[in-house]
Amino acid sequence: MVALVVLVLPILHEFALQHQVYNNPPESVLTLLEYVRRLGDLPHFEYVLAFVGGLTLGTWMDAILTGTEGRQAERYAALADRAMRVREAIQLELGKVDRQRDHASPSLLAEVNSLMLDVRKAGIPVPFAPKGTEVEKWLEMASVYFSHVGPLLRDGHLREARGVAELVQMRLS
């Protein structure tokens, strides 16, 4: 708050000099300055000002930090839920007996790719399949990745979730 006052005060002073407010102030400015002077004359005004300023700054900081953390937690929890659902869908697809080898459902592949993109946008590295990787191996790798990353994201362990991609990538290679 003090920094804000230090930054704004010179600008207001320059404005007042340019518009000759000090020499010929309008009535509204005189009234405002009188109120400010009266406030400054109150006993222990500096302590009250410091208390209110600190309370305001603390409330703002708490709202900013908590709000960001809350939104991030909701975002990661939603990704975790999707990861778990996609992992289950992959397990169902890989468990089908009548399924043709290397021919997964296009909607499942689209869902896997979409989730990988969302996870990458959230700042968590995702493994990539080297060129020529079989679809079945890619789905198995995605299932392993989602089974590890999903619970970590759900519980808020972001650093650990970021390390999982490297381990899964080494398995894939």
N, C-alpha and C. Protein backbone atom coordinates (compact mmCIF):
# COMPACT_ATOMS: atom_id res chain seq x y z
N MET A 1 0.83 -1.17 0.00
CA MET A 1 0.00 0.00 0.00
C MET A 1 0.88 1.25 0.00
N VAL A 2 1.95 1.19 0.79
CA VAL A 2 2.88 2.32 0.83
C VAL A 2 3.52 2.52 -0.53
N ALA A 3 3.85 1.41 -1.19
CA ALA A 3 4.45 1.51 -2.51
C ALA A 3 3.49 2.17 -3.49
N LEU A 4 2.22 1.83 -3.37
CA LEU A 4 1.22 2.44 -4.24
C LEU A 4 1.11 3.94 -3.99
N VAL A 5 1.13 4.34 -2.72
CA VAL A 5 1.06 5.76 -2.38
C VAL A 5 2.30 6.48 -2.91
N VAL A 6 3.46 5.84 -2.75
CA VAL A 6 4.71 6.45 -3.22
C VAL A 6 4.69 6.63 -4.73
N LEU A 7 4.08 5.70 -5.44
CA LEU A 7 4.01 5.80 -6.90
C LEU A 7 2.97 6.82 -7.36
N VAL A 8 1.83 6.89 -6.68
CA VAL A 8 0.73 7.74 -7.13
C VAL A 8 0.90 9.19 -6.70
N LEU A 9 1.48 9.40 -5.53
CA LEU A 9 1.61 10.76 -5.00
C LEU A 9 2.35 11.72 -5.94
N PRO A 10 3.50 11.34 -6.51
CA PRO A 10 4.17 12.27 -7.44
C PRO A 10 3.33 12.59 -8.69
N ILE A 11 2.58 11.61 -9.14
CA ILE A 11 1.74 11.83 -10.32
C ILE A 11 0.63 12.83 -9.98
N LEU A 12 0.01 12.65 -8.83
CA LEU A 12 -1.03 13.60 -8.41
C LEU A 12 -0.45 14.99 -8.16
N HIS A 13 0.74 15.06 -7.60
CA HIS A 13 1.39 16.34 -7.36
C HIS A 13 1.66 17.07 -8.69
N GLU A 14 2.16 16.33 -9.67
CA GLU A 14 2.42 16.93 -10.99
C GLU A 14 1.13 17.40 -11.65
N PHE A 15 0.08 16.60 -11.52
CA PHE A 15 -1.23 16.98 -12.06
C PHE A 15 -1.72 18.27 -11.40
N ALA A 16 -1.57 18.34 -10.08
CA ALA A 16 -2.01 19.53 -9.35
C ALA A 16 -1.22 20.76 -9.76
N LEU A 17 0.08 20.61 -10.01
CA LEU A 17 0.90 21.74 -10.46
C LEU A 17 0.49 22.21 -11.85
N GLN A 18 0.23 21.27 -12.75
CA GLN A 18 -0.15 21.62 -14.12
C GLN A 18 -1.49 22.34 -14.17
N HIS A 19 -2.41 21.94 -13.33
CA HIS A 19 -3.75 22.52 -13.35
C HIS A 19 -3.94 23.59 -12.27
N GLN A 20 -2.86 24.00 -11.66
CA GLN A 20 -2.83 25.07 -10.66
C GLN A 20 -3.87 24.85 -9.56
N VAL A 21 -3.94 23.63 -9.09
CA VAL A 21 -4.87 23.31 -8.02
C VAL A 21 -4.42 23.93 -6.70
N TYR A 22 -3.10 24.05 -6.52
CA TYR A 22 -2.59 24.62 -5.27
C TYR A 22 -2.89 26.12 -5.17
N ASN A 23 -2.84 26.83 -6.28
CA ASN A 23 -3.06 28.27 -6.27
C ASN A 23 -4.54 28.63 -6.20
N ASN A 24 -5.37 27.89 -6.92
CA ASN A 24 -6.79 28.22 -7.02
C ASN A 24 -7.61 26.93 -6.96
N PRO A 25 -7.68 26.28 -5.80
CA PRO A 25 -8.37 25.00 -5.75
C PRO A 25 -9.88 25.15 -5.83
N PRO A 26 -10.54 24.22 -6.53
CA PRO A 26 -12.00 24.24 -6.57
C PRO A 26 -12.57 23.86 -5.19
N GLU A 27 -13.83 24.14 -4.98
CA GLU A 27 -14.48 23.90 -3.69
C GLU A 27 -14.45 22.42 -3.30
N SER A 28 -14.67 21.52 -4.26
CA SER A 28 -14.69 20.09 -3.96
C SER A 28 -13.32 19.60 -3.49
N VAL A 29 -12.26 20.15 -4.08
CA VAL A 29 -10.91 19.77 -3.66
C VAL A 29 -10.65 20.27 -2.25
N LEU A 30 -11.10 21.50 -1.95
CA LEU A 30 -10.93 22.05 -0.60
C LEU A 30 -11.65 21.18 0.43
N THR A 31 -12.85 20.74 0.11
CA THR A 31 -13.61 19.89 1.03
C THR A 31 -12.90 18.56 1.24
N LEU A 32 -12.41 17.96 0.17
CA LEU A 32 -11.69 16.70 0.26
C LEU A 32 -10.43 16.86 1.10
N LEU A 33 -9.67 17.90 0.84
CA LEU A 33 -8.45 18.13 1.62
C LEU A 33 -8.75 18.38 3.09
N GLU A 34 -9.87 19.02 3.38
CA GLU A 34 -10.26 19.25 4.78
C GLU A 34 -10.57 17.92 5.48
N TYR A 35 -11.27 17.03 4.77
CA TYR A 35 -11.55 15.71 5.34
C TYR A 35 -10.27 14.93 5.59
N VAL A 36 -9.36 14.97 4.65
CA VAL A 36 -8.08 14.27 4.80
C VAL A 36 -7.31 14.85 5.97
N ARG A 37 -7.31 16.16 6.11
CA ARG A 37 -6.60 16.80 7.23
C ARG A 37 -7.21 16.39 8.56
N ARG A 38 -8.53 16.32 8.61
CA ARG A 38 -9.20 15.91 9.85
C ARG A 38 -8.87 14.46 10.21
N LEU A 39 -8.83 13.61 9.20
CA LEU A 39 -8.46 12.21 9.45
C LEU A 39 -7.03 12.12 9.99
N GLY A 40 -6.14 12.90 9.40
CA GLY A 40 -4.75 12.89 9.84
C GLY A 40 -4.56 13.42 11.24
N ASP A 41 -5.50 14.23 11.72
CA ASP A 41 -5.40 14.80 13.06
C ASP A 41 -5.91 13.85 14.15
N LEU A 42 -6.55 12.75 13.76
CA LEU A 42 -7.04 11.80 14.75
C LEU A 42 -5.87 11.19 15.52
N PRO A 43 -6.02 10.97 16.82
CA PRO A 43 -4.93 10.35 17.58
C PRO A 43 -4.72 8.90 17.13
N HIS A 44 -3.49 8.51 17.02
CA HIS A 44 -3.09 7.15 16.62
C HIS A 44 -3.57 6.79 15.22
N PHE A 45 -3.74 7.77 14.37
CA PHE A 45 -4.21 7.51 13.01
C PHE A 45 -3.22 6.64 12.24
N GLU A 46 -1.93 6.84 12.46
CA GLU A 46 -0.92 6.07 11.74
C GLU A 46 -1.06 4.58 12.04
N TYR A 47 -1.36 4.25 13.32
CA TYR A 47 -1.51 2.84 13.69
C TYR A 47 -2.75 2.23 13.04
N VAL A 48 -3.83 2.99 13.04
CA VAL A 48 -5.06 2.52 12.41
C VAL A 48 -4.84 2.34 10.91
N LEU A 49 -4.16 3.28 10.29
CA LEU A 49 -3.87 3.19 8.86
C LEU A 49 -3.00 1.97 8.56
N ALA A 50 -1.98 1.74 9.38
CA ALA A 50 -1.11 0.58 9.18
C ALA A 50 -1.90 -0.72 9.37
N PHE A 51 -2.77 -0.75 10.38
CA PHE A 51 -3.58 -1.95 10.63
C PHE A 51 -4.52 -2.23 9.47
N VAL A 52 -5.24 -1.22 9.02
CA VAL A 52 -6.19 -1.41 7.92
C VAL A 52 -5.46 -1.76 6.62
N GLY A 53 -4.34 -1.09 6.38
CA GLY A 53 -3.56 -1.40 5.18
C GLY A 53 -3.03 -2.82 5.20
N GLY A 54 -2.52 -3.26 6.34
CA GLY A 54 -2.03 -4.63 6.46
C GLY A 54 -3.14 -5.65 6.33
N LEU A 55 -4.28 -5.35 6.92
CA LEU A 55 -5.42 -6.24 6.81
C LEU A 55 -5.89 -6.36 5.36
N THR A 56 -5.93 -5.25 4.68
CA THR A 56 -6.34 -5.25 3.27
C THR A 56 -5.35 -6.03 2.41
N LEU A 57 -4.08 -5.76 2.60
CA LEU A 57 -3.04 -6.46 1.82
C LEU A 57 -3.07 -7.96 2.11
N GLY A 58 -3.21 -8.32 3.37
CA GLY A 58 -3.29 -9.74 3.72
C GLY A 58 -4.48 -10.43 3.12
N THR A 59 -5.62 -9.75 3.11
CA THR A 59 -6.83 -10.33 2.53
C THR A 59 -6.67 -10.51 1.02
N TRP A 60 -6.09 -9.52 0.37
CA TRP A 60 -5.86 -9.64 -1.08
C TRP A 60 -4.91 -10.79 -1.40
N MET A 61 -3.83 -10.86 -0.67
CA MET A 61 -2.85 -11.93 -0.92
C MET A 61 -3.48 -13.29 -0.68
N ASP A 62 -4.26 -13.43 0.38
CA ASP A 62 -4.92 -14.69 0.67
C ASP A 62 -5.90 -15.07 -0.44
N ALA A 63 -6.65 -14.09 -0.91
CA ALA A 63 -7.63 -14.35 -1.97
C ALA A 63 -6.93 -14.75 -3.27
N ILE A 64 -5.84 -14.07 -3.57
CA ILE A 64 -5.12 -14.37 -4.81
C ILE A 64 -4.50 -15.75 -4.74
N LEU A 65 -3.80 -16.05 -3.66
CA LEU A 65 -3.11 -17.33 -3.55
C LEU A 65 -4.08 -18.49 -3.39
N THR A 66 -5.09 -18.34 -2.59
CA THR A 66 -6.06 -19.41 -2.39
C THR A 66 -6.90 -19.61 -3.64
N GLY A 67 -7.28 -18.51 -4.27
CA GLY A 67 -8.09 -18.63 -5.49
C GLY A 67 -7.35 -19.36 -6.58
N THR A 68 -6.10 -19.06 -6.76
CA THR A 68 -5.31 -19.72 -7.79
C THR A 68 -5.13 -21.19 -7.46
N GLU A 69 -4.83 -21.47 -6.20
CA GLU A 69 -4.62 -22.86 -5.79
C GLU A 69 -5.90 -23.66 -5.93
N GLY A 70 -7.01 -23.07 -5.56
CA GLY A 70 -8.29 -23.76 -5.67
C GLY A 70 -8.64 -24.07 -7.11
N ARG A 71 -8.44 -23.10 -7.98
CA ARG A 71 -8.73 -23.34 -9.40
C ARG A 71 -7.80 -24.39 -9.98
N GLN A 72 -6.51 -24.35 -9.60
CA GLN A 72 -5.56 -25.35 -10.09
C GLN A 72 -5.95 -26.74 -9.61
N ALA A 73 -6.34 -26.86 -8.33
CA ALA A 73 -6.72 -28.16 -7.79
C ALA A 73 -7.94 -28.71 -8.53
N GLU A 74 -8.92 -27.86 -8.82
CA GLU A 74 -10.11 -28.30 -9.56
C GLU A 74 -9.72 -28.76 -10.96
N ARG A 75 -8.82 -28.01 -11.59
CA ARG A 75 -8.39 -28.34 -12.95
C ARG A 75 -7.66 -29.68 -12.97
N TYR A 76 -6.76 -29.89 -12.01
CA TYR A 76 -6.01 -31.14 -11.97
C TYR A 76 -6.92 -32.30 -11.58
N ALA A 77 -7.89 -32.07 -10.70
CA ALA A 77 -8.82 -33.13 -10.31
C ALA A 77 -9.66 -33.56 -11.51
N ALA A 78 -10.08 -32.60 -12.33
CA ALA A 78 -10.85 -32.95 -13.53
C ALA A 78 -9.99 -33.76 -14.50
N LEU A 79 -8.73 -33.38 -14.65
CA LEU A 79 -7.83 -34.16 -15.51
C LEU A 79 -7.63 -35.56 -14.94
N ALA A 80 -7.51 -35.67 -13.63
CA ALA A 80 -7.33 -36.97 -13.00
C ALA A 80 -8.53 -37.87 -13.26
N ASP A 81 -9.73 -37.31 -13.14
CA ASP A 81 -10.94 -38.10 -13.40
C ASP A 81 -10.97 -38.58 -14.85
N ARG A 82 -10.64 -37.68 -15.76
CA ARG A 82 -10.61 -38.08 -17.18
C ARG A 82 -9.57 -39.16 -17.42
N ALA A 83 -8.41 -39.01 -16.80
CA ALA A 83 -7.33 -39.99 -16.98
C ALA A 83 -7.78 -41.37 -16.50
N MET A 84 -8.47 -41.40 -15.38
CA MET A 84 -8.93 -42.69 -14.86
C MET A 84 -10.00 -43.31 -15.76
N ARG A 85 -10.90 -42.47 -16.28
CA ARG A 85 -11.94 -42.98 -17.18
C ARG A 85 -11.33 -43.49 -18.48
N VAL A 86 -10.37 -42.76 -19.03
CA VAL A 86 -9.74 -43.19 -20.28
C VAL A 86 -8.94 -44.46 -20.06
N ARG A 87 -8.27 -44.56 -18.91
CA ARG A 87 -7.52 -45.78 -18.60
C ARG A 87 -8.46 -46.98 -18.57
N GLU A 88 -9.62 -46.81 -17.94
CA GLU A 88 -10.59 -47.91 -17.90
C GLU A 88 -11.09 -48.27 -19.29
N ALA A 89 -11.31 -47.25 -20.13
CA ALA A 89 -11.76 -47.52 -21.50
C ALA A 89 -10.68 -48.26 -22.28
N ILE A 90 -9.42 -47.90 -22.06
CA ILE A 90 -8.32 -48.60 -22.74
C ILE A 90 -8.26 -50.05 -22.29
N GLN A 91 -8.41 -50.27 -20.98
CA GLN A 91 -8.37 -51.64 -20.46
C GLN A 91 -9.51 -52.48 -21.04
N LEU A 92 -10.69 -51.87 -21.17
CA LEU A 92 -11.81 -52.59 -21.78
C LEU A 92 -11.50 -52.92 -23.24
N GLU A 93 -10.95 -51.95 -23.96
CA GLU A 93 -10.63 -52.16 -25.38
C GLU A 93 -9.57 -53.24 -25.55
N LEU A 94 -8.53 -53.20 -24.73
CA LEU A 94 -7.47 -54.19 -24.86
C LEU A 94 -7.93 -55.57 -24.40
N GLY A 95 -8.95 -55.63 -23.56
CA GLY A 95 -9.45 -56.90 -23.07
C GLY A 95 -10.46 -57.58 -23.99
N LYS A 96 -10.90 -56.89 -25.02
CA LYS A 96 -11.88 -57.48 -25.94
C LYS A 96 -11.21 -58.60 -26.73
N VAL A 97 -11.88 -59.73 -26.76
CA VAL A 97 -11.35 -60.89 -27.48
C VAL A 97 -11.54 -60.75 -28.98
N ASP A 98 -12.67 -60.19 -29.39
CA ASP A 98 -12.99 -60.10 -30.82
C ASP A 98 -12.35 -58.89 -31.51
N ARG A 99 -11.51 -58.18 -30.80
CA ARG A 99 -10.89 -56.98 -31.36
C ARG A 99 -9.76 -57.38 -32.31
N GLN A 100 -9.64 -56.65 -33.41
CA GLN A 100 -8.53 -56.90 -34.33
C GLN A 100 -7.27 -56.25 -33.78
N ARG A 101 -6.17 -56.93 -33.92
CA ARG A 101 -4.90 -56.41 -33.43
C ARG A 101 -4.54 -55.14 -34.21
N ASP A 102 -4.05 -54.13 -33.50
CA ASP A 102 -3.64 -52.84 -34.06
C ASP A 102 -4.77 -52.07 -34.73
N HIS A 103 -6.01 -52.34 -34.32
CA HIS A 103 -7.14 -51.56 -34.82
C HIS A 103 -8.02 -51.17 -33.65
N ALA A 104 -7.63 -50.13 -32.96
CA ALA A 104 -8.42 -49.64 -31.83
C ALA A 104 -9.51 -48.73 -32.35
N SER A 105 -10.49 -48.52 -31.50
CA SER A 105 -11.60 -47.65 -31.83
C SER A 105 -11.07 -46.23 -32.09
N PRO A 106 -11.47 -45.60 -33.22
CA PRO A 106 -11.01 -44.23 -33.49
C PRO A 106 -11.42 -43.24 -32.40
N SER A 107 -12.59 -43.45 -31.81
CA SER A 107 -13.02 -42.52 -30.76
C SER A 107 -12.13 -42.67 -29.52
N LEU A 108 -11.68 -43.88 -29.22
CA LEU A 108 -10.78 -44.08 -28.09
C LEU A 108 -9.43 -43.43 -28.35
N LEU A 109 -8.91 -43.61 -29.54
CA LEU A 109 -7.63 -42.97 -29.89
C LEU A 109 -7.75 -41.45 -29.83
N ALA A 110 -8.88 -40.92 -30.30
CA ALA A 110 -9.10 -39.46 -30.24
C ALA A 110 -9.17 -38.99 -28.79
N GLU A 111 -9.84 -39.78 -27.94
CA GLU A 111 -9.94 -39.42 -26.52
C GLU A 111 -8.58 -39.45 -25.84
N VAL A 112 -7.77 -40.45 -26.15
CA VAL A 112 -6.42 -40.55 -25.59
C VAL A 112 -5.58 -39.36 -26.03
N ASN A 113 -5.62 -39.04 -27.32
CA ASN A 113 -4.83 -37.91 -27.82
C ASN A 113 -5.31 -36.59 -27.24
N SER A 114 -6.62 -36.42 -27.09
CA SER A 114 -7.16 -35.20 -26.51
C SER A 114 -6.72 -35.05 -25.06
N LEU A 115 -6.79 -36.13 -24.31
CA LEU A 115 -6.36 -36.08 -22.91
C LEU A 115 -4.86 -35.80 -22.80
N MET A 116 -4.07 -36.41 -23.65
CA MET A 116 -2.62 -36.14 -23.65
C MET A 116 -2.36 -34.66 -23.91
N LEU A 117 -3.10 -34.08 -24.84
CA LEU A 117 -2.95 -32.66 -25.14
C LEU A 117 -3.34 -31.80 -23.94
N ASP A 118 -4.44 -32.14 -23.28
CA ASP A 118 -4.88 -31.38 -22.10
C ASP A 118 -3.87 -31.49 -20.96
N VAL A 119 -3.31 -32.67 -20.77
CA VAL A 119 -2.31 -32.87 -19.71
C VAL A 119 -1.07 -32.05 -20.04
N ARG A 120 -0.67 -32.04 -21.30
CA ARG A 120 0.50 -31.25 -21.70
C ARG A 120 0.24 -29.76 -21.49
N LYS A 121 -0.96 -29.29 -21.83
CA LYS A 121 -1.32 -27.88 -21.62
C LYS A 121 -1.33 -27.51 -20.14
N ALA A 122 -1.58 -28.49 -19.28
CA ALA A 122 -1.58 -28.25 -17.83
C ALA A 122 -0.16 -28.19 -17.27
N GLY A 123 0.84 -28.37 -18.13
CA GLY A 123 2.22 -28.26 -17.68
C GLY A 123 2.84 -29.56 -17.24
N ILE A 124 2.21 -30.65 -17.54
CA ILE A 124 2.75 -31.96 -17.17
C ILE A 124 3.22 -32.64 -18.45
N PRO A 125 4.48 -33.03 -18.51
CA PRO A 125 4.98 -33.66 -19.73
C PRO A 125 4.27 -34.98 -20.00
N VAL A 126 4.08 -35.26 -21.25
CA VAL A 126 3.44 -36.51 -21.64
C VAL A 126 4.41 -37.30 -22.51
N PRO A 127 4.34 -38.61 -22.42
CA PRO A 127 5.22 -39.42 -23.27
C PRO A 127 4.73 -39.37 -24.72
N PHE A 128 5.63 -39.61 -25.61
CA PHE A 128 5.25 -39.66 -27.02
C PHE A 128 5.66 -41.01 -27.57
N ALA A 129 4.93 -41.44 -28.56
CA ALA A 129 5.23 -42.73 -29.18
C ALA A 129 6.19 -42.50 -30.33
N PRO A 130 7.31 -43.21 -30.34
CA PRO A 130 8.22 -43.09 -31.48
C PRO A 130 7.51 -43.54 -32.75
N LYS A 131 7.99 -43.05 -33.87
CA LYS A 131 7.38 -43.38 -35.15
C LYS A 131 7.42 -44.90 -35.36
N GLY A 132 6.30 -45.43 -35.79
CA GLY A 132 6.21 -46.86 -36.05
C GLY A 132 5.73 -47.67 -34.86
N THR A 133 5.37 -47.02 -33.76
CA THR A 133 4.89 -47.74 -32.59
C THR A 133 3.51 -48.35 -32.89
N GLU A 134 3.34 -49.58 -32.51
CA GLU A 134 2.06 -50.25 -32.74
C GLU A 134 0.98 -49.60 -31.87
N VAL A 135 -0.24 -49.60 -32.38
CA VAL A 135 -1.36 -48.98 -31.69
C VAL A 135 -1.57 -49.66 -30.33
N GLU A 136 -1.47 -50.98 -30.32
CA GLU A 136 -1.67 -51.71 -29.07
C GLU A 136 -0.63 -51.32 -28.02
N LYS A 137 0.61 -51.18 -28.45
CA LYS A 137 1.67 -50.79 -27.51
C LYS A 137 1.45 -49.35 -27.02
N TRP A 138 0.99 -48.48 -27.92
CA TRP A 138 0.70 -47.09 -27.55
C TRP A 138 -0.43 -47.04 -26.51
N LEU A 139 -1.47 -47.82 -26.72
CA LEU A 139 -2.58 -47.85 -25.77
C LEU A 139 -2.14 -48.42 -24.43
N GLU A 140 -1.32 -49.46 -24.45
CA GLU A 140 -0.80 -50.02 -23.19
C GLU A 140 0.01 -48.97 -22.44
N MET A 141 0.86 -48.25 -23.18
CA MET A 141 1.68 -47.20 -22.56
C MET A 141 0.80 -46.09 -22.01
N ALA A 142 -0.22 -45.69 -22.76
CA ALA A 142 -1.13 -44.64 -22.29
C ALA A 142 -1.87 -45.10 -21.05
N SER A 143 -2.26 -46.36 -21.01
CA SER A 143 -2.94 -46.90 -19.84
C SER A 143 -2.04 -46.87 -18.61
N VAL A 144 -0.79 -47.27 -18.79
CA VAL A 144 0.18 -47.23 -17.68
C VAL A 144 0.38 -45.78 -17.23
N TYR A 145 0.55 -44.89 -18.19
CA TYR A 145 0.77 -43.47 -17.88
C TYR A 145 -0.42 -42.90 -17.10
N PHE A 146 -1.64 -43.14 -17.60
CA PHE A 146 -2.83 -42.60 -16.95
C PHE A 146 -3.06 -43.24 -15.58
N SER A 147 -2.72 -44.52 -15.44
CA SER A 147 -2.91 -45.17 -14.14
C SER A 147 -1.95 -44.62 -13.09
N HIS A 148 -0.79 -44.11 -13.53
CA HIS A 148 0.15 -43.48 -12.59
C HIS A 148 -0.15 -42.01 -12.38
N VAL A 149 -0.43 -41.30 -13.46
CA VAL A 149 -0.62 -39.86 -13.39
C VAL A 149 -1.96 -39.49 -12.76
N GLY A 150 -3.01 -40.25 -13.06
CA GLY A 150 -4.35 -39.94 -12.55
C GLY A 150 -4.40 -39.79 -11.03
N PRO A 151 -3.99 -40.81 -10.29
CA PRO A 151 -4.03 -40.68 -8.82
C PRO A 151 -3.11 -39.58 -8.30
N LEU A 152 -1.97 -39.39 -8.94
CA LEU A 152 -1.06 -38.33 -8.50
C LEU A 152 -1.69 -36.95 -8.68
N LEU A 153 -2.33 -36.74 -9.82
CA LEU A 153 -3.01 -35.46 -10.06
C LEU A 153 -4.18 -35.27 -9.10
N ARG A 154 -4.92 -36.34 -8.89
CA ARG A 154 -6.08 -36.25 -7.98
C ARG A 154 -5.65 -35.82 -6.57
N ASP A 155 -4.48 -36.32 -6.13
CA ASP A 155 -3.99 -36.01 -4.78
C ASP A 155 -3.11 -34.78 -4.73
N GLY A 156 -2.87 -34.14 -5.89
CA GLY A 156 -2.11 -32.89 -5.92
C GLY A 156 -0.60 -33.06 -5.93
N HIS A 157 -0.10 -34.23 -6.28
CA HIS A 157 1.35 -34.48 -6.33
C HIS A 157 1.87 -34.17 -7.74
N LEU A 158 2.01 -32.88 -8.03
CA LEU A 158 2.35 -32.47 -9.39
C LEU A 158 3.78 -32.82 -9.76
N ARG A 159 4.71 -32.63 -8.85
CA ARG A 159 6.12 -32.92 -9.15
C ARG A 159 6.30 -34.39 -9.51
N GLU A 160 5.65 -35.26 -8.74
CA GLU A 160 5.75 -36.69 -9.01
C GLU A 160 5.09 -37.04 -10.33
N ALA A 161 3.96 -36.38 -10.62
CA ALA A 161 3.27 -36.64 -11.89
C ALA A 161 4.15 -36.25 -13.07
N ARG A 162 4.92 -35.19 -12.89
CA ARG A 162 5.80 -34.76 -13.98
C ARG A 162 6.93 -35.77 -14.21
N GLY A 163 7.36 -36.45 -13.17
CA GLY A 163 8.41 -37.44 -13.30
C GLY A 163 7.96 -38.74 -13.94
N VAL A 164 6.67 -39.01 -13.91
CA VAL A 164 6.14 -40.26 -14.44
C VAL A 164 6.33 -40.36 -15.95
N ALA A 165 6.18 -39.27 -16.65
CA ALA A 165 6.29 -39.30 -18.12
C ALA A 165 7.65 -39.81 -18.56
N GLU A 166 8.69 -39.41 -17.85
CA GLU A 166 10.03 -39.88 -18.22
C GLU A 166 10.15 -41.38 -18.03
N LEU A 167 9.59 -41.91 -16.94
CA LEU A 167 9.67 -43.35 -16.69
C LEU A 167 8.89 -44.14 -17.73
N VAL A 168 7.70 -43.66 -18.07
CA VAL A 168 6.89 -44.34 -19.07
C VAL A 168 7.56 -44.27 -20.44
N GLN A 169 8.19 -43.14 -20.74
CA GLN A 169 8.87 -43.00 -22.03
C GLN A 169 10.03 -43.99 -22.14
N MET A 170 10.76 -44.20 -21.04
CA MET A 170 11.87 -45.16 -21.08
C MET A 170 11.33 -46.57 -21.31
N ARG A 171 10.17 -46.89 -20.74
CA ARG A 171 9.57 -48.19 -20.96
C ARG A 171 9.16 -48.39 -22.41
N LEU A 172 8.70 -47.33 -23.03
CA LEU A 172 8.20 -47.39 -24.40
C LEU A 172 9.33 -47.60 -25.39
N SER A 173 10.46 -47.01 -25.11
CA SER A 173 11.59 -47.07 -26.06
C SER A 173 12.18 -48.46 -26.16
